[in-house]
Structures are given as structure tokens and as C-alpha cells.
PDB file of all heavy atoms in Angstrom:
ATOM      1  N   ALA A   1     -15.168 -10.098  -2.298  1.00  0.00           N
ATOM      2  CA  ALA A   1     -15.799  -9.509  -1.150  1.00  0.00           C
ATOM      3  C   ALA A   1     -14.994  -8.249  -0.743  1.00  0.00           C
ATOM      4  O   ALA A   1     -13.743  -8.197  -0.793  1.00  0.00           O
ATOM      5  CB  ALA A   1     -15.841 -10.472   0.038  1.00  0.00           C
ATOM      6  N   GLN A   2     -15.677  -7.194  -0.407  1.00  0.00           N
ATOM      7  CA  GLN A   2     -15.051  -5.975   0.171  1.00  0.00           C
ATOM      8  C   GLN A   2     -15.089  -6.100   1.698  1.00  0.00           C
ATOM      9  O   GLN A   2     -16.085  -6.337   2.351  1.00  0.00           O
ATOM     10  CB  GLN A   2     -15.838  -4.803  -0.241  1.00  0.00           C
ATOM     11  CG  GLN A   2     -15.770  -4.449  -1.737  1.00  0.00           C
ATOM     12  CD  GLN A   2     -16.436  -3.201  -2.122  1.00  0.00           C
ATOM     13  OE1 GLN A   2     -17.579  -2.930  -1.724  1.00  0.00           O
ATOM     14  NE2 GLN A   2     -15.782  -2.370  -2.885  1.00  0.00           N
ATOM     15  N   VAL A   3     -13.877  -5.925   2.235  1.00  0.00           N
ATOM     16  CA  VAL A   3     -13.613  -6.064   3.679  1.00  0.00           C
ATOM     17  C   VAL A   3     -13.266  -4.736   4.270  1.00  0.00           C
ATOM     18  O   VAL A   3     -12.379  -4.050   3.709  1.00  0.00           O
ATOM     19  CB  VAL A   3     -12.558  -7.095   4.009  1.00  0.00           C
ATOM     20  CG1 VAL A   3     -12.343  -7.255   5.499  1.00  0.00           C
ATOM     21  CG2 VAL A   3     -12.863  -8.440   3.347  1.00  0.00           C
ATOM     22  N   VAL A   4     -13.945  -4.280   5.291  1.00  0.00           N
ATOM     23  CA  VAL A   4     -13.671  -2.963   5.963  1.00  0.00           C
ATOM     24  C   VAL A   4     -13.501  -3.205   7.412  1.00  0.00           C
ATOM     25  O   VAL A   4     -14.328  -3.716   8.079  1.00  0.00           O
ATOM     26  CB  VAL A   4     -14.796  -2.035   5.656  1.00  0.00           C
ATOM     27  CG1 VAL A   4     -14.511  -0.682   6.325  1.00  0.00           C
ATOM     28  CG2 VAL A   4     -15.059  -1.809   4.158  1.00  0.00           C
ATOM     29  N   GLU A   5     -12.344  -2.714   7.917  1.00  0.00           N
ATOM     30  CA  GLU A   5     -12.085  -2.774   9.359  1.00  0.00           C
ATOM     31  C   GLU A   5     -11.811  -1.362   9.861  1.00  0.00           C
ATOM     32  O   GLU A   5     -11.409  -0.464   9.087  1.00  0.00           O
ATOM     33  CB  GLU A   5     -10.889  -3.628   9.632  1.00  0.00           C
ATOM     34  CG  GLU A   5      -9.520  -3.257   9.138  1.00  0.00           C
ATOM     35  CD  GLU A   5      -9.164  -3.733   7.765  1.00  0.00           C
ATOM     36  OE1 GLU A   5      -9.704  -3.184   6.781  1.00  0.00           O
ATOM     37  OE2 GLU A   5      -8.458  -4.766   7.642  1.00  0.00           O
ATOM     38  N   SER A   6     -12.016  -1.181  11.119  1.00  0.00           N
ATOM     39  CA  SER A   6     -11.838   0.099  11.774  1.00  0.00           C
ATOM     40  C   SER A   6     -11.622  -0.122  13.244  1.00  0.00           C
ATOM     41  O   SER A   6     -11.779  -1.190  13.759  1.00  0.00           O
ATOM     42  CB  SER A   6     -13.050   1.003  11.478  1.00  0.00           C
ATOM     43  OG  SER A   6     -14.213   0.471  12.102  1.00  0.00           O
ATOM     44  N   GLY A   7     -11.280   1.009  13.913  1.00  0.00           N
ATOM     45  CA  GLY A   7     -11.163   0.997  15.349  1.00  0.00           C
ATOM     46  C   GLY A   7      -9.757   1.211  15.868  1.00  0.00           C
ATOM     47  O   GLY A   7      -9.561   1.244  17.088  1.00  0.00           O
ATOM     48  N   GLY A   8      -8.772   1.224  15.042  1.00  0.00           N
ATOM     49  CA  GLY A   8      -7.429   1.448  15.447  1.00  0.00           C
ATOM     50  C   GLY A   8      -7.180   2.824  16.016  1.00  0.00           C
ATOM     51  O   GLY A   8      -8.062   3.727  15.880  1.00  0.00           O
ATOM     52  N   GLY A   9      -6.089   3.000  16.629  1.00  0.00           N
ATOM     53  CA  GLY A   9      -5.728   4.284  17.185  1.00  0.00           C
ATOM     54  C   GLY A   9      -4.483   4.262  18.098  1.00  0.00           C
ATOM     55  O   GLY A   9      -3.734   3.230  18.065  1.00  0.00           O
ATOM     56  N   LEU A  10      -4.246   5.317  18.787  1.00  0.00           N
ATOM     57  CA  LEU A  10      -3.108   5.433  19.696  1.00  0.00           C
ATOM     58  C   LEU A  10      -3.564   5.269  21.100  1.00  0.00           C
ATOM     59  O   LEU A  10      -4.451   5.961  21.606  1.00  0.00           O
ATOM     60  CB  LEU A  10      -2.473   6.768  19.454  1.00  0.00           C
ATOM     61  CG  LEU A  10      -1.337   7.119  20.465  1.00  0.00           C
ATOM     62  CD1 LEU A  10      -0.158   6.194  20.257  1.00  0.00           C
ATOM     63  CD2 LEU A  10      -0.885   8.592  20.186  1.00  0.00           C
ATOM     64  N   VAL A  11      -2.977   4.341  21.814  1.00  0.00           N
ATOM     65  CA  VAL A  11      -3.275   4.045  23.210  1.00  0.00           C
ATOM     66  C   VAL A  11      -1.977   3.908  23.999  1.00  0.00           C
ATOM     67  O   VAL A  11      -0.927   3.576  23.465  1.00  0.00           O
ATOM     68  CB  VAL A  11      -4.196   2.838  23.404  1.00  0.00           C
ATOM     69  CG1 VAL A  11      -5.539   3.023  22.719  1.00  0.00           C
ATOM     70  CG2 VAL A  11      -3.510   1.572  22.841  1.00  0.00           C
ATOM     71  N   GLN A  12      -2.054   4.145  25.320  1.00  0.00           N
ATOM     72  CA  GLN A  12      -0.969   3.876  26.156  1.00  0.00           C
ATOM     73  C   GLN A  12      -0.897   2.410  26.546  1.00  0.00           C
ATOM     74  O   GLN A  12      -1.876   1.712  26.497  1.00  0.00           O
ATOM     75  CB  GLN A  12      -1.035   4.712  27.422  1.00  0.00           C
ATOM     76  CG  GLN A  12      -0.857   6.217  27.202  1.00  0.00           C
ATOM     77  CD  GLN A  12      -0.796   7.011  28.459  1.00  0.00           C
ATOM     78  OE1 GLN A  12      -1.537   6.739  29.383  1.00  0.00           O
ATOM     79  NE2 GLN A  12       0.086   7.986  28.521  1.00  0.00           N
ATOM     80  N   ALA A  13       0.320   1.983  26.905  1.00  0.00           N
ATOM     81  CA  ALA A  13       0.469   0.566  27.364  1.00  0.00           C
ATOM     82  C   ALA A  13      -0.526   0.274  28.493  1.00  0.00           C
ATOM     83  O   ALA A  13      -0.687   1.096  29.385  1.00  0.00           O
ATOM     84  CB  ALA A  13       1.959   0.346  27.797  1.00  0.00           C
ATOM     85  N   GLY A  14      -1.089  -0.857  28.417  1.00  0.00           N
ATOM     86  CA  GLY A  14      -2.103  -1.260  29.416  1.00  0.00           C
ATOM     87  C   GLY A  14      -3.508  -0.937  29.015  1.00  0.00           C
ATOM     88  O   GLY A  14      -4.468  -1.355  29.635  1.00  0.00           O
ATOM     89  N   GLY A  15      -3.662  -0.097  27.980  1.00  0.00           N
ATOM     90  CA  GLY A  15      -4.971   0.268  27.493  1.00  0.00           C
ATOM     91  C   GLY A  15      -5.633  -0.733  26.628  1.00  0.00           C
ATOM     92  O   GLY A  15      -5.124  -1.814  26.398  1.00  0.00           O
ATOM     93  N   SER A  16      -6.768  -0.374  26.105  1.00  0.00           N
ATOM     94  CA  SER A  16      -7.620  -1.236  25.303  1.00  0.00           C
ATOM     95  C   SER A  16      -8.102  -0.579  24.020  1.00  0.00           C
ATOM     96  O   SER A  16      -8.234   0.674  23.983  1.00  0.00           O
ATOM     97  CB  SER A  16      -8.834  -1.742  26.089  1.00  0.00           C
ATOM     98  OG  SER A  16      -8.433  -2.424  27.258  1.00  0.00           O
ATOM     99  N   LEU A  17      -8.328  -1.352  23.005  1.00  0.00           N
ATOM    100  CA  LEU A  17      -8.985  -0.970  21.797  1.00  0.00           C
ATOM    101  C   LEU A  17      -9.941  -2.028  21.355  1.00  0.00           C
ATOM    102  O   LEU A  17      -9.707  -3.238  21.655  1.00  0.00           O
ATOM    103  CB  LEU A  17      -8.008  -0.664  20.710  1.00  0.00           C
ATOM    104  CG  LEU A  17      -7.195   0.677  20.767  1.00  0.00           C
ATOM    105  CD1 LEU A  17      -6.133   0.683  19.632  1.00  0.00           C
ATOM    106  CD2 LEU A  17      -8.044   1.868  20.593  1.00  0.00           C
ATOM    107  N   ARG A  18     -10.906  -1.674  20.569  1.00  0.00           N
ATOM    108  CA  ARG A  18     -11.828  -2.604  20.028  1.00  0.00           C
ATOM    109  C   ARG A  18     -11.908  -2.368  18.489  1.00  0.00           C
ATOM    110  O   ARG A  18     -12.404  -1.325  18.060  1.00  0.00           O
ATOM    111  CB  ARG A  18     -13.235  -2.469  20.604  1.00  0.00           C
ATOM    112  CG  ARG A  18     -14.182  -3.595  20.255  1.00  0.00           C
ATOM    113  CD  ARG A  18     -15.505  -3.365  21.038  1.00  0.00           C
ATOM    114  NE  ARG A  18     -16.475  -4.470  20.817  1.00  0.00           N
ATOM    115  CZ  ARG A  18     -16.531  -5.559  21.584  1.00  0.00           C
ATOM    116  NH1 ARG A  18     -15.688  -5.678  22.569  1.00  0.00           N
ATOM    117  NH2 ARG A  18     -17.431  -6.489  21.297  1.00  0.00           N
ATOM    118  N   LEU A  19     -11.477  -3.356  17.750  1.00  0.00           N
ATOM    119  CA  LEU A  19     -11.523  -3.328  16.276  1.00  0.00           C
ATOM    120  C   LEU A  19     -12.781  -3.959  15.767  1.00  0.00           C
ATOM    121  O   LEU A  19     -13.317  -4.915  16.406  1.00  0.00           O
ATOM    122  CB  LEU A  19     -10.321  -3.933  15.661  1.00  0.00           C
ATOM    123  CG  LEU A  19      -8.969  -3.540  16.171  1.00  0.00           C
ATOM    124  CD1 LEU A  19      -7.895  -4.324  15.371  1.00  0.00           C
ATOM    125  CD2 LEU A  19      -8.754  -2.060  16.074  1.00  0.00           C
ATOM    126  N   SER A  20     -13.300  -3.508  14.654  1.00  0.00           N
ATOM    127  CA  SER A  20     -14.466  -4.090  14.048  1.00  0.00           C
ATOM    128  C   SER A  20     -14.255  -4.332  12.617  1.00  0.00           C
ATOM    129  O   SER A  20     -13.384  -3.719  11.960  1.00  0.00           O
ATOM    130  CB  SER A  20     -15.730  -3.192  14.186  1.00  0.00           C
ATOM    131  OG  SER A  20     -15.561  -1.942  13.539  1.00  0.00           O
ATOM    132  N   CYS A  21     -14.922  -5.278  12.039  1.00  0.00           N
ATOM    133  CA  CYS A  21     -14.783  -5.633  10.654  1.00  0.00           C
ATOM    134  C   CYS A  21     -16.061  -6.185  10.128  1.00  0.00           C
ATOM    135  O   CYS A  21     -16.764  -6.919  10.764  1.00  0.00           O
ATOM    136  CB  CYS A  21     -13.626  -6.646  10.459  1.00  0.00           C
ATOM    137  SG  CYS A  21     -13.372  -7.185   8.750  1.00  0.00           S
ATOM    138  N   THR A  22     -16.343  -5.813   8.882  1.00  0.00           N
ATOM    139  CA  THR A  22     -17.455  -6.510   8.140  1.00  0.00           C
ATOM    140  C   THR A  22     -16.994  -6.656   6.695  1.00  0.00           C
ATOM    141  O   THR A  22     -16.117  -5.994   6.202  1.00  0.00           O
ATOM    142  CB  THR A  22     -18.703  -5.613   8.195  1.00  0.00           C
ATOM    143  OG1 THR A  22     -19.819  -6.302   7.700  1.00  0.00           O
ATOM    144  CG2 THR A  22     -18.511  -4.280   7.450  1.00  0.00           C
ATOM    145  N   ALA A  23     -17.653  -7.590   6.058  1.00  0.00           N
ATOM    146  CA  ALA A  23     -17.373  -7.864   4.666  1.00  0.00           C
ATOM    147  C   ALA A  23     -18.638  -8.044   3.880  1.00  0.00           C
ATOM    148  O   ALA A  23     -19.646  -8.612   4.371  1.00  0.00           O
ATOM    149  CB  ALA A  23     -16.507  -9.144   4.559  1.00  0.00           C
ATOM    150  N   SER A  24     -18.642  -7.594   2.638  1.00  0.00           N
ATOM    151  CA  SER A  24     -19.781  -7.830   1.815  1.00  0.00           C
ATOM    152  C   SER A  24     -19.899  -9.299   1.517  1.00  0.00           C
ATOM    153  O   SER A  24     -18.893 -10.040   1.352  1.00  0.00           O
ATOM    154  CB  SER A  24     -19.621  -7.103   0.463  1.00  0.00           C
ATOM    155  OG  SER A  24     -18.425  -7.536  -0.279  1.00  0.00           O
ATOM    156  N   GLY A  25     -21.135  -9.800   1.508  1.00  0.00           N
ATOM    157  CA  GLY A  25     -21.381 -11.191   1.314  1.00  0.00           C
ATOM    158  C   GLY A  25     -21.364 -12.026   2.566  1.00  0.00           C
ATOM    159  O   GLY A  25     -21.360 -13.301   2.519  1.00  0.00           O
ATOM    160  N   MET A  26     -21.280 -11.387   3.749  1.00  0.00           N
ATOM    161  CA  MET A  26     -21.329 -12.119   4.975  1.00  0.00           C
ATOM    162  C   MET A  26     -22.491 -13.128   5.001  1.00  0.00           C
ATOM    163  O   MET A  26     -23.546 -12.841   4.416  1.00  0.00           O
ATOM    164  CB  MET A  26     -21.427 -11.172   6.168  1.00  0.00           C
ATOM    165  CG  MET A  26     -20.227 -10.329   6.386  1.00  0.00           C
ATOM    166  SD  MET A  26     -18.828 -11.346   7.000  1.00  0.00           S
ATOM    167  CE  MET A  26     -19.387 -11.600   8.683  1.00  0.00           C
ATOM    168  N   PRO A  27     -22.314 -14.239   5.716  1.00  0.00           N
ATOM    169  CA  PRO A  27     -21.230 -14.541   6.660  1.00  0.00           C
ATOM    170  C   PRO A  27     -20.013 -15.162   6.029  1.00  0.00           C
ATOM    171  O   PRO A  27     -20.119 -15.903   5.029  1.00  0.00           O
ATOM    172  CB  PRO A  27     -21.917 -15.474   7.650  1.00  0.00           C
ATOM    173  CG  PRO A  27     -22.882 -16.255   6.815  1.00  0.00           C
ATOM    174  CD  PRO A  27     -23.387 -15.231   5.766  1.00  0.00           C
ATOM    175  N   PHE A  28     -18.922 -14.961   6.614  1.00  0.00           N
ATOM    176  CA  PHE A  28     -17.613 -15.632   6.363  1.00  0.00           C
ATOM    177  C   PHE A  28     -17.030 -16.021   7.664  1.00  0.00           C
ATOM    178  O   PHE A  28     -17.242 -15.367   8.667  1.00  0.00           O
ATOM    179  CB  PHE A  28     -16.631 -14.682   5.581  1.00  0.00           C
ATOM    180  CG  PHE A  28     -16.998 -14.315   4.260  1.00  0.00           C
ATOM    181  CD1 PHE A  28     -17.533 -13.067   3.923  1.00  0.00           C
ATOM    182  CD2 PHE A  28     -16.920 -15.236   3.167  1.00  0.00           C
ATOM    183  CE1 PHE A  28     -17.847 -12.693   2.640  1.00  0.00           C
ATOM    184  CE2 PHE A  28     -17.213 -14.898   1.883  1.00  0.00           C
ATOM    185  CZ  PHE A  28     -17.679 -13.658   1.608  1.00  0.00           C
ATOM    186  N   ASN A  29     -16.156 -17.032   7.570  1.00  0.00           N
ATOM    187  CA  ASN A  29     -15.250 -17.193   8.706  1.00  0.00           C
ATOM    188  C   ASN A  29     -14.291 -16.000   8.667  1.00  0.00           C
ATOM    189  O   ASN A  29     -13.780 -15.575   7.585  1.00  0.00           O
ATOM    190  CB  ASN A  29     -14.423 -18.490   8.562  1.00  0.00           C
ATOM    191  CG  ASN A  29     -15.308 -19.722   8.689  1.00  0.00           C
ATOM    192  OD1 ASN A  29     -16.340 -19.632   9.284  1.00  0.00           O
ATOM    193  ND2 ASN A  29     -14.762 -20.814   8.186  1.00  0.00           N
ATOM    194  N   MET A  30     -13.967 -15.454   9.807  1.00  0.00           N
ATOM    195  CA  MET A  30     -13.269 -14.164   9.904  1.00  0.00           C
ATOM    196  C   MET A  30     -12.019 -14.297  10.768  1.00  0.00           C
ATOM    197  O   MET A  30     -12.028 -14.950  11.791  1.00  0.00           O
ATOM    198  CB  MET A  30     -14.133 -13.044  10.413  1.00  0.00           C
ATOM    199  CG  MET A  30     -15.461 -12.888   9.649  1.00  0.00           C
ATOM    200  SD  MET A  30     -15.206 -12.229   7.983  1.00  0.00           S
ATOM    201  CE  MET A  30     -14.826 -10.524   8.442  1.00  0.00           C
ATOM    202  N   GLY A  31     -10.971 -13.602  10.359  1.00  0.00           N
ATOM    203  CA  GLY A  31      -9.731 -13.584  11.131  1.00  0.00           C
ATOM    204  C   GLY A  31      -9.108 -12.263  11.184  1.00  0.00           C
ATOM    205  O   GLY A  31      -9.445 -11.303  10.401  1.00  0.00           O
ATOM    206  N   TRP A  32      -8.174 -12.102  12.026  1.00  0.00           N
ATOM    207  CA  TRP A  32      -7.409 -10.901  12.215  1.00  0.00           C
ATOM    208  C   TRP A  32      -5.902 -11.236  12.088  1.00  0.00           C
ATOM    209  O   TRP A  32      -5.449 -12.221  12.659  1.00  0.00           O
ATOM    210  CB  TRP A  32      -7.605 -10.182  13.544  1.00  0.00           C
ATOM    211  CG  TRP A  32      -8.963  -9.575  13.655  1.00  0.00           C
ATOM    212  CD1 TRP A  32     -10.100 -10.121  14.182  1.00  0.00           C
ATOM    213  CD2 TRP A  32      -9.355  -8.267  13.191  1.00  0.00           C
ATOM    214  NE1 TRP A  32     -11.107  -9.253  14.173  1.00  0.00           N
ATOM    215  CE2 TRP A  32     -10.730  -8.113  13.556  1.00  0.00           C
ATOM    216  CE3 TRP A  32      -8.657  -7.276  12.607  1.00  0.00           C
ATOM    217  CZ2 TRP A  32     -11.434  -6.957  13.270  1.00  0.00           C
ATOM    218  CZ3 TRP A  32      -9.394  -6.073  12.355  1.00  0.00           C
ATOM    219  CH2 TRP A  32     -10.696  -5.923  12.662  1.00  0.00           C
ATOM    220  N   TYR A  33      -5.204 -10.400  11.320  1.00  0.00           N
ATOM    221  CA  TYR A  33      -3.760 -10.498  11.180  1.00  0.00           C
ATOM    222  C   TYR A  33      -3.150  -9.142  11.559  1.00  0.00           C
ATOM    223  O   TYR A  33      -3.900  -8.115  11.539  1.00  0.00           O
ATOM    224  CB  TYR A  33      -3.362 -10.849   9.771  1.00  0.00           C
ATOM    225  CG  TYR A  33      -3.638 -12.304   9.431  1.00  0.00           C
ATOM    226  CD1 TYR A  33      -4.903 -12.732   9.139  1.00  0.00           C
ATOM    227  CD2 TYR A  33      -2.620 -13.202   9.268  1.00  0.00           C
ATOM    228  CE1 TYR A  33      -5.154 -14.058   8.758  1.00  0.00           C
ATOM    229  CE2 TYR A  33      -2.829 -14.536   8.899  1.00  0.00           C
ATOM    230  CZ  TYR A  33      -4.100 -14.952   8.706  1.00  0.00           C
ATOM    231  OH  TYR A  33      -4.335 -16.245   8.278  1.00  0.00           O
ATOM    232  N   ARG A  34      -1.844  -9.059  11.762  1.00  0.00           N
ATOM    233  CA  ARG A  34      -1.191  -7.819  12.010  1.00  0.00           C
ATOM    234  C   ARG A  34       0.189  -7.894  11.320  1.00  0.00           C
ATOM    235  O   ARG A  34       0.750  -9.010  11.113  1.00  0.00           O
ATOM    236  CB  ARG A  34      -1.070  -7.528  13.513  1.00  0.00           C
ATOM    237  CG  ARG A  34      -0.217  -8.491  14.281  1.00  0.00           C
ATOM    238  CD  ARG A  34      -0.325  -8.114  15.742  1.00  0.00           C
ATOM    239  NE  ARG A  34       0.550  -8.990  16.570  1.00  0.00           N
ATOM    240  CZ  ARG A  34       0.518  -8.982  17.923  1.00  0.00           C
ATOM    241  NH1 ARG A  34      -0.314  -8.114  18.575  1.00  0.00           N
ATOM    242  NH2 ARG A  34       1.280  -9.764  18.594  1.00  0.00           N
ATOM    243  N   GLN A  35       0.665  -6.703  11.002  1.00  0.00           N
ATOM    244  CA  GLN A  35       2.004  -6.610  10.366  1.00  0.00           C
ATOM    245  C   GLN A  35       2.743  -5.384  10.819  1.00  0.00           C
ATOM    246  O   GLN A  35       2.170  -4.325  10.907  1.00  0.00           O
ATOM    247  CB  GLN A  35       1.807  -6.571   8.806  1.00  0.00           C
ATOM    248  CG  GLN A  35       3.039  -6.689   7.992  1.00  0.00           C
ATOM    249  CD  GLN A  35       2.848  -6.857   6.559  1.00  0.00           C
ATOM    250  OE1 GLN A  35       1.874  -6.361   5.992  1.00  0.00           O
ATOM    251  NE2 GLN A  35       3.777  -7.528   5.874  1.00  0.00           N
ATOM    252  N   VAL A  36       4.000  -5.641  11.070  1.00  0.00           N
ATOM    253  CA  VAL A  36       4.944  -4.568  11.374  1.00  0.00           C
ATOM    254  C   VAL A  36       5.859  -4.329  10.237  1.00  0.00           C
ATOM    255  O   VAL A  36       6.263  -5.292   9.526  1.00  0.00           O
ATOM    256  CB  VAL A  36       5.783  -4.926  12.660  1.00  0.00           C
ATOM    257  CG1 VAL A  36       6.832  -3.839  12.947  1.00  0.00           C
ATOM    258  CG2 VAL A  36       4.875  -5.175  13.879  1.00  0.00           C
ATOM    259  N   PRO A  37       6.191  -3.079   9.884  1.00  0.00           N
ATOM    260  CA  PRO A  37       7.094  -2.878   8.732  1.00  0.00           C
ATOM    261  C   PRO A  37       8.359  -3.663   8.874  1.00  0.00           C
ATOM    262  O   PRO A  37       8.983  -3.734   9.918  1.00  0.00           O
ATOM    263  CB  PRO A  37       7.385  -1.345   8.888  1.00  0.00           C
ATOM    264  CG  PRO A  37       6.210  -0.782   9.547  1.00  0.00           C
ATOM    265  CD  PRO A  37       5.735  -1.819  10.509  1.00  0.00           C
ATOM    266  N   GLY A  38       8.724  -4.321   7.755  1.00  0.00           N
ATOM    267  CA  GLY A  38       9.915  -5.156   7.725  1.00  0.00           C
ATOM    268  C   GLY A  38       9.668  -6.585   8.155  1.00  0.00           C
ATOM    269  O   GLY A  38      10.586  -7.368   8.030  1.00  0.00           O
ATOM    270  N   LYS A  39       8.477  -6.931   8.596  1.00  0.00           N
ATOM    271  CA  LYS A  39       8.168  -8.244   9.031  1.00  0.00           C
ATOM    272  C   LYS A  39       7.007  -8.813   8.309  1.00  0.00           C
ATOM    273  O   LYS A  39       6.219  -8.023   7.737  1.00  0.00           O
ATOM    274  CB  LYS A  39       7.949  -8.268  10.560  1.00  0.00           C
ATOM    275  CG  LYS A  39       9.111  -7.894  11.392  1.00  0.00           C
ATOM    276  CD  LYS A  39       8.777  -8.016  12.926  1.00  0.00           C
ATOM    277  CE  LYS A  39       9.952  -7.631  13.772  1.00  0.00           C
ATOM    278  NZ  LYS A  39       9.625  -7.767  15.171  1.00  0.00           N
ATOM    279  N   GLU A  40       6.914 -10.141   8.310  1.00  0.00           N
ATOM    280  CA  GLU A  40       5.731 -10.705   7.599  1.00  0.00           C
ATOM    281  C   GLU A  40       4.463 -10.615   8.412  1.00  0.00           C
ATOM    282  O   GLU A  40       4.498 -10.500   9.671  1.00  0.00           O
ATOM    283  CB  GLU A  40       6.040 -12.184   7.330  1.00  0.00           C
ATOM    284  CG  GLU A  40       7.145 -12.431   6.308  1.00  0.00           C
ATOM    285  CD  GLU A  40       7.161 -13.843   5.805  1.00  0.00           C
ATOM    286  OE1 GLU A  40       6.549 -14.770   6.457  1.00  0.00           O
ATOM    287  OE2 GLU A  40       7.740 -14.038   4.767  1.00  0.00           O
ATOM    288  N   ARG A  41       3.402 -10.605   7.751  1.00  0.00           N
ATOM    289  CA  ARG A  41       2.120 -10.564   8.379  1.00  0.00           C
ATOM    290  C   ARG A  41       1.890 -11.822   9.248  1.00  0.00           C
ATOM    291  O   ARG A  41       2.254 -12.888   8.839  1.00  0.00           O
ATOM    292  CB  ARG A  41       0.960 -10.426   7.304  1.00  0.00           C
ATOM    293  CG  ARG A  41      -0.400 -10.301   7.839  1.00  0.00           C
ATOM    294  CD  ARG A  41      -1.322  -9.846   6.678  1.00  0.00           C
ATOM    295  NE  ARG A  41      -1.203 -10.850   5.576  1.00  0.00           N
ATOM    296  CZ  ARG A  41      -1.518 -10.474   4.307  1.00  0.00           C
ATOM    297  NH1 ARG A  41      -1.806  -9.193   4.010  1.00  0.00           N
ATOM    298  NH2 ARG A  41      -1.389 -11.415   3.378  1.00  0.00           N
ATOM    299  N   GLU A  42       1.318 -11.630  10.420  1.00  0.00           N
ATOM    300  CA  GLU A  42       1.136 -12.799  11.303  1.00  0.00           C
ATOM    301  C   GLU A  42      -0.276 -12.911  11.779  1.00  0.00           C
ATOM    302  O   GLU A  42      -0.992 -11.943  11.942  1.00  0.00           O
ATOM    303  CB  GLU A  42       2.083 -12.681  12.545  1.00  0.00           C
ATOM    304  CG  GLU A  42       1.751 -11.522  13.467  1.00  0.00           C
ATOM    305  CD  GLU A  42       2.602 -11.510  14.703  1.00  0.00           C
ATOM    306  OE1 GLU A  42       3.205 -12.515  15.038  1.00  0.00           O
ATOM    307  OE2 GLU A  42       2.667 -10.463  15.413  1.00  0.00           O
ATOM    308  N   PHE A  43      -0.669 -14.114  11.992  1.00  0.00           N
ATOM    309  CA  PHE A  43      -1.977 -14.435  12.446  1.00  0.00           C
ATOM    310  C   PHE A  43      -2.202 -13.991  13.912  1.00  0.00           C
ATOM    311  O   PHE A  43      -1.365 -14.144  14.742  1.00  0.00           O
ATOM    312  CB  PHE A  43      -2.277 -15.958  12.330  1.00  0.00           C
ATOM    313  CG  PHE A  43      -3.568 -16.417  13.002  1.00  0.00           C
ATOM    314  CD1 PHE A  43      -4.748 -16.160  12.364  1.00  0.00           C
ATOM    315  CD2 PHE A  43      -3.522 -17.066  14.210  1.00  0.00           C
ATOM    316  CE1 PHE A  43      -5.942 -16.614  12.917  1.00  0.00           C
ATOM    317  CE2 PHE A  43      -4.688 -17.470  14.806  1.00  0.00           C
ATOM    318  CZ  PHE A  43      -5.886 -17.281  14.177  1.00  0.00           C
TER     319      PHE A  43
END
């Protein structure tokens, strides 16, 4: 499946963002992870 996410950007503390994601072959159970350089990806 091809997975495409978008919506990131630069915001000030206290602000908001809305990320979106879709994948070919939907539906799937879907999750979000994040990763900081030098650290492992986290749920």
C-alpha cells in the first residue's frame, strides 16, 4: 500500500495543526507515529 500524509508545518506553542493521511487499498486500521532525530520512532 502507498501511504501519503500531509499537513505538517511550523506553529507557535499553543497552536494547532491537522494532519491527514490516506493509503491505497483503504480501509486499513490507521495510526500515527513520530520521530525525533537520534530517538526511536514512538506511537
